């Protein structure tokens, strides 16, 4: 078993929130509950939009809110590259 060193726990928590990229909004909505963490940031490559996952949100879907296909929470638009 690996022994955690000072800062390892913080590093693991930060790395959970770097979600990577999704092809488009449909692919982002398809990310399952196991692949999402509260505060995770992902980019959609087709429109270059940054989204943050809010596991506690129940906001209605719209131009700045995506509802996951499965599970709870919402993807909220953080920024769009223009």
PDB file of N, CA and C in Angstrom:
ATOM      1  N   UNK A   1       0.841  -1.169   0.000  1.00  0.00           N
ATOM      2  CA  UNK A   1       0.000   0.000   0.000  1.00  0.00           C
ATOM      3  C   UNK A   1       0.893   1.243   0.000  1.00  0.00           C
ATOM      4  N   UNK A   2       0.490   2.249  -0.773  1.00  0.00           N
ATOM      5  CA  UNK A   2       1.227   3.497  -0.871  1.00  0.00           C
ATOM      6  C   UNK A   2       0.900   4.392   0.310  1.00  0.00           C
ATOM      7  N   UNK A   3       1.910   4.997   0.893  1.00  0.00           N
ATOM      8  CA  UNK A   3       1.710   5.949   1.973  1.00  0.00           C
ATOM      9  C   UNK A   3       1.622   7.341   1.379  1.00  0.00           C
ATOM     10  N   UNK A   4       0.576   8.065   1.739  1.00  0.00           N
ATOM     11  CA  UNK A   4       0.405   9.418   1.235  1.00  0.00           C
ATOM     12  C   UNK A   4       1.383  10.354   1.928  1.00  0.00           C
ATOM     13  N   UNK A   5       1.943  11.237   1.173  1.00  0.00           N
ATOM     14  CA  UNK A   5       2.851  12.249   1.697  1.00  0.00           C
ATOM     15  C   UNK A   5       2.118  13.571   1.802  1.00  0.00           C
ATOM     16  N   UNK A   6       2.733  14.537   2.464  1.00  0.00           N
ATOM     17  CA  UNK A   6       2.154  15.863   2.614  1.00  0.00           C
ATOM     18  C   UNK A   6       1.759  16.411   1.250  1.00  0.00           C
ATOM     19  N   UNK A   7       0.528  16.855   1.087  1.00  0.00           N
ATOM     20  CA  UNK A   7       0.052  17.431  -0.162  1.00  0.00           C
ATOM     21  C   UNK A   7      -0.588  16.431  -1.110  1.00  0.00           C
ATOM     22  N   UNK A   8      -0.373  15.139  -0.895  1.00  0.00           N
ATOM     23  CA  UNK A   8      -0.942  14.135  -1.797  1.00  0.00           C
ATOM     24  C   UNK A   8      -2.463  14.159  -1.789  1.00  0.00           C
ATOM     25  N   UNK A   9      -3.062  14.304  -0.622  1.00  0.00           N
ATOM     26  CA  UNK A   9      -4.520  14.328  -0.537  1.00  0.00           C
ATOM     27  C   UNK A   9      -5.079  15.521  -1.298  1.00  0.00           C
ATOM     28  N   UNK A  10      -4.470  16.680  -1.131  1.00  0.00           N
ATOM     29  CA  UNK A  10      -4.923  17.870  -1.859  1.00  0.00           C
ATOM     30  C   UNK A  10      -4.762  17.666  -3.356  1.00  0.00           C
ATOM     31  N   UNK A  11      -3.649  17.089  -3.756  1.00  0.00           N
ATOM     32  CA  UNK A  11      -3.413  16.824  -5.179  1.00  0.00           C
ATOM     33  C   UNK A  11      -4.461  15.901  -5.768  1.00  0.00           C
ATOM     34  N   UNK A  12      -4.864  14.880  -5.020  1.00  0.00           N
ATOM     35  CA  UNK A  12      -5.887  13.947  -5.504  1.00  0.00           C
ATOM     36  C   UNK A  12      -7.240  14.648  -5.616  1.00  0.00           C
ATOM     37  N   UNK A  13      -7.575  15.490  -4.655  1.00  0.00           N
ATOM     38  CA  UNK A  13      -8.850  16.214  -4.709  1.00  0.00           C
ATOM     39  C   UNK A  13      -8.900  17.170  -5.896  1.00  0.00           C
ATOM     40  N   UNK A  14      -7.816  17.863  -6.165  1.00  0.00           N
ATOM     41  CA  UNK A  14      -7.767  18.771  -7.309  1.00  0.00           C
ATOM     42  C   UNK A  14      -7.873  17.991  -8.614  1.00  0.00           C
ATOM     43  N   UNK A  15      -7.172  16.871  -8.721  1.00  0.00           N
ATOM     44  CA  UNK A  15      -7.183  16.106  -9.969  1.00  0.00           C
ATOM     45  C   UNK A  15      -8.565  15.559 -10.301  1.00  0.00           C
ATOM     46  N   UNK A  16      -9.412  15.309  -9.304  1.00  0.00           N
ATOM     47  CA  UNK A  16     -10.780  14.841  -9.556  1.00  0.00           C
ATOM     48  C   UNK A  16     -11.603  15.898 -10.284  1.00  0.00           C
ATOM     49  N   UNK A  17     -11.223  17.142 -10.131  1.00  0.00           N
ATOM     50  CA  UNK A  17     -12.011  18.239 -10.690  1.00  0.00           C
ATOM     51  C   UNK A  17     -11.563  18.672 -12.078  1.00  0.00           C
ATOM     52  N   UNK A  18     -10.574  18.000 -12.625  1.00  0.00           N
ATOM     53  CA  UNK A  18     -10.139  18.276 -13.987  1.00  0.00           C
ATOM     54  C   UNK A  18     -10.765  17.203 -14.870  1.00  0.00           C
ATOM     55  N   UNK A  19     -11.841  17.573 -15.545  1.00  0.00           N
ATOM     56  CA  UNK A  19     -12.635  16.587 -16.258  1.00  0.00           C
ATOM     57  C   UNK A  19     -12.189  16.301 -17.675  1.00  0.00           C
ATOM     58  N   UNK A  20     -11.408  17.180 -18.253  1.00  0.00           N
ATOM     59  CA  UNK A  20     -10.965  16.947 -19.613  1.00  0.00           C
ATOM     60  C   UNK A  20     -11.904  17.524 -20.644  1.00  0.00           C
ATOM     61  N   UNK A  21     -12.097  16.790 -21.721  1.00  0.00           N
ATOM     62  CA  UNK A  21     -12.850  17.308 -22.860  1.00  0.00           C
ATOM     63  C   UNK A  21     -13.979  16.365 -23.256  1.00  0.00           C
ATOM     64  N   UNK A  22     -15.039  16.968 -23.783  1.00  0.00           N
ATOM     65  CA  UNK A  22     -16.145  16.229 -24.389  1.00  0.00           C
ATOM     66  C   UNK A  22     -16.319  16.774 -25.802  1.00  0.00           C
ATOM     67  N   UNK A  23     -16.704  15.933 -26.725  1.00  0.00           N
ATOM     68  CA  UNK A  23     -16.861  16.336 -28.114  1.00  0.00           C
ATOM     69  C   UNK A  23     -17.865  17.465 -28.267  1.00  0.00           C
ATOM     70  N   UNK A  24     -18.996  17.337 -27.567  1.00  0.00           N
ATOM     71  CA  UNK A  24     -20.065  18.342 -27.657  1.00  0.00           C
ATOM     72  C   UNK A  24     -20.926  18.256 -26.406  1.00  0.00           C
ATOM     73  N   UNK A  25     -21.972  19.053 -26.350  1.00  0.00           N
ATOM     74  CA  UNK A  25     -22.840  19.077 -25.170  1.00  0.00           C
ATOM     75  C   UNK A  25     -23.530  17.740 -24.936  1.00  0.00           C
ATOM     76  N   UNK A  26     -23.911  17.050 -25.999  1.00  0.00           N
ATOM     77  CA  UNK A  26     -24.561  15.734 -25.842  1.00  0.00           C
ATOM     78  C   UNK A  26     -23.609  14.748 -25.168  1.00  0.00           C
ATOM     79  N   UNK A  27     -22.342  14.773 -25.545  1.00  0.00           N
ATOM     80  CA  UNK A  27     -21.353  13.886 -24.936  1.00  0.00           C
ATOM     81  C   UNK A  27     -21.121  14.251 -23.476  1.00  0.00           C
ATOM     82  N   UNK A  28     -21.148  15.537 -23.160  1.00  0.00           N
ATOM     83  CA  UNK A  28     -20.979  15.972 -21.772  1.00  0.00           C
ATOM     84  C   UNK A  28     -22.155  15.507 -20.920  1.00  0.00           C
ATOM     85  N   UNK A  29     -23.376  15.635 -21.443  1.00  0.00           N
ATOM     86  CA  UNK A  29     -24.563  15.184 -20.705  1.00  0.00           C
ATOM     87  C   UNK A  29     -24.543  13.679 -20.501  1.00  0.00           C
ATOM     88  N   UNK A  30     -23.869  12.945 -21.368  1.00  0.00           N
ATOM     89  CA  UNK A  30     -23.824  11.487 -21.287  1.00  0.00           C
ATOM     90  C   UNK A  30     -22.806  10.969 -20.266  1.00  0.00           C
ATOM     91  N   UNK A  31     -21.975  11.837 -19.712  1.00  0.00           N
ATOM     92  CA  UNK A  31     -21.015  11.402 -18.689  1.00  0.00           C
ATOM     93  C   UNK A  31     -21.796  10.885 -17.491  1.00  0.00           C
ATOM     94  N   UNK A  32     -21.526   9.651 -17.112  1.00  0.00           N
ATOM     95  CA  UNK A  32     -22.265   9.026 -16.027  1.00  0.00           C
ATOM     96  C   UNK A  32     -21.870   9.529 -14.652  1.00  0.00           C
ATOM     97  N   UNK A  33     -22.665   9.178 -13.639  1.00  0.00           N
ATOM     98  CA  UNK A  33     -22.405   9.643 -12.281  1.00  0.00           C
ATOM     99  C   UNK A  33     -20.998   9.304 -11.762  1.00  0.00           C
ATOM    100  N   UNK A  34     -20.463   8.175 -12.159  1.00  0.00           N
ATOM    101  CA  UNK A  34     -19.124   7.788 -11.709  1.00  0.00           C
ATOM    102  C   UNK A  34     -18.055   8.698 -12.315  1.00  0.00           C
ATOM    103  N   UNK A  35     -18.329   9.272 -13.474  1.00  0.00           N
ATOM    104  CA  UNK A  35     -17.370  10.127 -14.155  1.00  0.00           C
ATOM    105  C   UNK A  35     -17.467  11.599 -13.801  1.00  0.00           C
ATOM    106  N   UNK A  36     -18.348  11.942 -12.838  1.00  0.00           N
ATOM    107  CA  UNK A  36     -18.536  13.350 -12.458  1.00  0.00           C
ATOM    108  C   UNK A  36     -18.208  13.556 -10.987  1.00  0.00           C
ATOM    109  N   UNK A  37     -17.641  14.710 -10.682  1.00  0.00           N
ATOM    110  CA  UNK A  37     -17.349  15.106  -9.304  1.00  0.00           C
ATOM    111  C   UNK A  37     -17.779  16.552  -9.133  1.00  0.00           C
ATOM    112  N   UNK A  38     -18.362  16.879  -8.002  1.00  0.00           N
ATOM    113  CA  UNK A  38     -18.778  18.256  -7.731  1.00  0.00           C
ATOM    114  C   UNK A  38     -17.585  19.199  -7.914  1.00  0.00           C
ATOM    115  N   UNK A  39     -17.782  20.233  -8.723  1.00  0.00           N
ATOM    116  CA  UNK A  39     -16.713  21.201  -8.995  1.00  0.00           C
ATOM    117  C   UNK A  39     -15.836  20.847 -10.180  1.00  0.00           C
ATOM    118  N   UNK A  40     -16.121  19.738 -10.836  1.00  0.00           N
ATOM    119  CA  UNK A  40     -15.333  19.301 -11.989  1.00  0.00           C
ATOM    120  C   UNK A  40     -15.537  20.250 -13.165  1.00  0.00           C
ATOM    121  N   UNK A  41     -14.459  20.517 -13.887  1.00  0.00           N
ATOM    122  CA  UNK A  41     -14.513  21.410 -15.050  1.00  0.00           C
ATOM    123  C   UNK A  41     -14.204  20.606 -16.312  1.00  0.00           C
ATOM    124  N   UNK A  42     -15.039  20.781 -17.344  1.00  0.00           N
ATOM    125  CA  UNK A  42     -14.836  20.128 -18.640  1.00  0.00           C
ATOM    126  C   UNK A  42     -15.013  21.155 -19.754  1.00  0.00           C
ATOM    127  N   UNK A  43     -14.437  20.862 -20.895  1.00  0.00           N
ATOM    128  CA  UNK A  43     -14.587  21.725 -22.069  1.00  0.00           C
ATOM    129  C   UNK A  43     -15.296  20.943 -23.167  1.00  0.00           C
ATOM    130  N   UNK A  44     -16.216  21.616 -23.871  1.00  0.00           N
ATOM    131  CA  UNK A  44     -16.815  21.007 -25.058  1.00  0.00           C
ATOM    132  C   UNK A  44     -16.019  21.521 -26.256  1.00  0.00           C
ATOM    133  N   UNK A  45     -15.501  20.604 -27.038  1.00  0.00           N
ATOM    134  CA  UNK A  45     -14.574  20.952 -28.110  1.00  0.00           C
ATOM    135  C   UNK A  45     -15.231  21.596 -29.317  1.00  0.00           C
ATOM    136  N   UNK A  46     -16.503  21.288 -29.557  1.00  0.00           N
ATOM    137  CA  UNK A  46     -17.146  21.852 -30.741  1.00  0.00           C
ATOM    138  C   UNK A  46     -17.342  23.366 -30.627  1.00  0.00           C
ATOM    139  N   UNK A  47     -17.665  23.849 -29.430  1.00  0.00           N
ATOM    140  CA  UNK A  47     -17.956  25.279 -29.248  1.00  0.00           C
ATOM    141  C   UNK A  47     -16.970  25.961 -28.300  1.00  0.00           C
ATOM    142  N   UNK A  48     -15.998  25.201 -27.793  1.00  0.00           N
ATOM    143  CA  UNK A  48     -15.012  25.724 -26.843  1.00  0.00           C
ATOM    144  C   UNK A  48     -15.672  26.438 -25.668  1.00  0.00           C
ATOM    145  N   UNK A  49     -16.532  25.678 -24.976  1.00  0.00           N
ATOM    146  CA  UNK A  49     -17.199  26.191 -23.786  1.00  0.00           C
ATOM    147  C   UNK A  49     -16.700  25.417 -22.570  1.00  0.00           C
ATOM    148  N   UNK A  50     -16.449  26.131 -21.479  1.00  0.00           N
ATOM    149  CA  UNK A  50     -16.066  25.509 -20.218  1.00  0.00           C
ATOM    150  C   UNK A  50     -17.306  25.320 -19.363  1.00  0.00           C
ATOM    151  N   UNK A  51     -17.465  24.128 -18.823  1.00  0.00           N
ATOM    152  CA  UNK A  51     -18.614  23.791 -17.984  1.00  0.00           C
ATOM    153  C   UNK A  51     -18.119  23.309 -16.632  1.00  0.00           C
ATOM    154  N   UNK A  52     -18.831  23.649 -15.568  1.00  0.00           N
ATOM    155  CA  UNK A  52     -18.516  23.168 -14.225  1.00  0.00           C
ATOM    156  C   UNK A  52     -19.707  22.347 -13.731  1.00  0.00           C
ATOM    157  N   UNK A  53     -19.403  21.219 -13.073  1.00  0.00           N
ATOM    158  CA  UNK A  53     -20.467  20.341 -12.584  1.00  0.00           C
ATOM    159  C   UNK A  53     -20.838  20.722 -11.156  1.00  0.00           C
ATOM    160  N   UNK A  54     -22.125  20.956 -10.927  1.00  0.00           N
ATOM    161  CA  UNK A  54     -22.661  21.280  -9.608  1.00  0.00           C
ATOM    162  C   UNK A  54     -23.579  20.128  -9.193  1.00  0.00           C
ATOM    163  N   UNK A  55     -23.088  19.296  -8.299  1.00  0.00           N
ATOM    164  CA  UNK A  55     -23.831  18.108  -7.886  1.00  0.00           C
ATOM    165  C   UNK A  55     -25.073  18.431  -7.079  1.00  0.00           C
ATOM    166  N   UNK A  56     -25.182  19.646  -6.557  1.00  0.00           N
ATOM    167  CA  UNK A  56     -26.310  20.014  -5.703  1.00  0.00           C
ATOM    168  C   UNK A  56     -27.405  20.771  -6.448  1.00  0.00           C
ATOM    169  N   UNK A  57     -27.163  21.111  -7.697  1.00  0.00           N
ATOM    170  CA  UNK A  57     -28.101  21.940  -8.450  1.00  0.00           C
ATOM    171  C   UNK A  57     -29.258  21.133  -9.038  1.00  0.00           C
ATOM    172  N   UNK A  58     -30.416  21.793  -9.104  1.00  0.00           N
ATOM    173  CA  UNK A  58     -31.580  21.221  -9.792  1.00  0.00           C
ATOM    174  C   UNK A  58     -32.178  22.269 -10.732  1.00  0.00           C
ATOM    175  N   UNK A  59     -31.352  23.224 -11.157  1.00  0.00           N
ATOM    176  CA  UNK A  59     -31.782  24.294 -12.058  1.00  0.00           C
ATOM    177  C   UNK A  59     -32.323  23.702 -13.358  1.00  0.00           C
ATOM    178  N   UNK A  60     -33.325  24.336 -13.926  1.00  0.00           N
ATOM    179  CA  UNK A  60     -33.906  23.875 -15.184  1.00  0.00           C
ATOM    180  C   UNK A  60     -32.893  24.007 -16.320  1.00  0.00           C
ATOM    181  N   UNK A  61     -32.984  23.112 -17.288  1.00  0.00           N
ATOM    182  CA  UNK A  61     -32.092  23.141 -18.450  1.00  0.00           C
ATOM    183  C   UNK A  61     -32.312  24.415 -19.251  1.00  0.00           C
ATOM    184  N   UNK A  62     -31.248  24.887 -19.867  1.00  0.00           N
ATOM    185  CA  UNK A  62     -31.316  26.082 -20.693  1.00  0.00           C
ATOM    186  C   UNK A  62     -30.009  26.273 -21.430  1.00  0.00           C
ATOM    187  N   UNK A  63     -29.806  27.448 -21.965  1.00  0.00           N
ATOM    188  CA  UNK A  63     -28.604  27.732 -22.744  1.00  0.00           C
ATOM    189  C   UNK A  63     -27.334  27.646 -21.906  1.00  0.00           C
ATOM    190  N   UNK A  64     -27.455  27.889 -20.596  1.00  0.00           N
ATOM    191  CA  UNK A  64     -26.277  27.867 -19.727  1.00  0.00           C
ATOM    192  C   UNK A  64     -26.302  26.742 -18.701  1.00  0.00           C
ATOM    193  N   UNK A  65     -27.261  25.836 -18.830  1.00  0.00           N
ATOM    194  CA  UNK A  65     -27.385  24.708 -17.901  1.00  0.00           C
ATOM    195  C   UNK A  65     -27.697  23.441 -18.678  1.00  0.00           C
ATOM    196  N   UNK A  66     -26.899  22.395 -18.434  1.00  0.00           N
ATOM    197  CA  UNK A  66     -27.135  21.091 -19.052  1.00  0.00           C
ATOM    198  C   UNK A  66     -27.520  20.095 -17.974  1.00  0.00           C
ATOM    199  N   UNK A  67     -28.544  19.299 -18.244  1.00  0.00           N
ATOM    200  CA  UNK A  67     -28.991  18.262 -17.319  1.00  0.00           C
ATOM    201  C   UNK A  67     -28.366  16.936 -17.758  1.00  0.00           C
ATOM    202  N   UNK A  68     -27.626  16.265 -16.868  1.00  0.00           N
ATOM    203  CA  UNK A  68     -27.048  14.966 -17.224  1.00  0.00           C
ATOM    204  C   UNK A  68     -28.133  13.964 -17.611  1.00  0.00           C
ATOM    205  N   UNK A  69     -27.781  13.047 -18.503  1.00  0.00           N
ATOM    206  CA  UNK A  69     -28.730  12.020 -18.933  1.00  0.00           C
ATOM    207  C   UNK A  69     -29.135  11.107 -17.779  1.00  0.00           C
ATOM    208  N   UNK A  70     -28.208  10.863 -16.847  1.00  0.00           N
ATOM    209  CA  UNK A  70     -28.453   9.971 -15.721  1.00  0.00           C
ATOM    210  C   UNK A  70     -27.931  10.626 -14.451  1.00  0.00           C
ATOM    211  N   UNK A  71     -28.687  10.525 -13.371  1.00  0.00           N
ATOM    212  CA  UNK A  71     -28.222  11.026 -12.086  1.00  0.00           C
ATOM    213  C   UNK A  71     -28.656  12.456 -11.800  1.00  0.00           C
ATOM    214  N   UNK A  72     -28.064  13.017 -10.750  1.00  0.00           N
ATOM    215  CA  UNK A  72     -28.441  14.348 -10.269  1.00  0.00           C
ATOM    216  C   UNK A  72     -27.379  15.378 -10.643  1.00  0.00           C
ATOM    217  N   UNK A  73     -27.676  16.640 -10.325  1.00  0.00           N
ATOM    218  CA  UNK A  73     -26.729  17.720 -10.566  1.00  0.00           C
ATOM    219  C   UNK A  73     -26.930  18.360 -11.928  1.00  0.00           C
ATOM    220  N   UNK A  74     -26.119  19.380 -12.187  1.00  0.00           N
ATOM    221  CA  UNK A  74     -26.200  20.110 -13.449  1.00  0.00           C
ATOM    222  C   UNK A  74     -24.809  20.533 -13.903  1.00  0.00           C
ATOM    223  N   UNK A  75     -24.620  20.590 -15.205  1.00  0.00           N
ATOM    224  CA  UNK A  75     -23.439  21.218 -15.800  1.00  0.00           C
ATOM    225  C   UNK A  75     -23.806  22.667 -16.055  1.00  0.00           C
ATOM    226  N   UNK A  76     -23.025  23.596 -15.507  1.00  0.00           N
ATOM    227  CA  UNK A  76     -23.313  25.016 -15.670  1.00  0.00           C
ATOM    228  C   UNK A  76     -22.198  25.662 -16.484  1.00  0.00           C
ATOM    229  N   UNK A  77     -22.599  26.525 -17.413  1.00  0.00           N
ATOM    230  CA  UNK A  77     -21.629  27.210 -18.273  1.00  0.00           C
ATOM    231  C   UNK A  77     -20.766  28.128 -17.429  1.00  0.00           C
ATOM    232  N   UNK A  78     -19.460  27.936 -17.554  1.00  0.00           N
ATOM    233  CA  UNK A  78     -18.502  28.739 -16.809  1.00  0.00           C
ATOM    234  C   UNK A  78     -17.950  29.856 -17.690  1.00  0.00           C
ATOM    235  N   UNK A  79     -17.625  29.515 -18.938  1.00  0.00           N
ATOM    236  CA  UNK A  79     -17.068  30.500 -19.875  1.00  0.00           C
ATOM    237  C   UNK A  79     -17.171  29.950 -21.294  1.00  0.00           C
ATOM    238  N   UNK A  80     -17.238  30.867 -22.245  1.00  0.00           N
ATOM    239  CA  UNK A  80     -17.241  30.491 -23.660  1.00  0.00           C
ATOM    240  C   UNK A  80     -16.167  31.303 -24.368  1.00  0.00           C
ATOM    241  N   UNK A  81     -15.389  30.623 -25.187  1.00  0.00           N
ATOM    242  CA  UNK A  81     -14.360  31.308 -25.979  1.00  0.00           C
ATOM    243  C   UNK A  81     -15.036  31.922 -27.184  1.00  0.00           C
ATOM    244  N   UNK A  82     -14.824  33.186 -27.406  1.00  0.00           N
ATOM    245  CA  UNK A  82     -15.462  33.841 -28.541  1.00  0.00           C
ATOM    246  C   UNK A  82     -14.470  34.194 -29.610  1.00  0.00           C
TER     247      UNK A  82
END
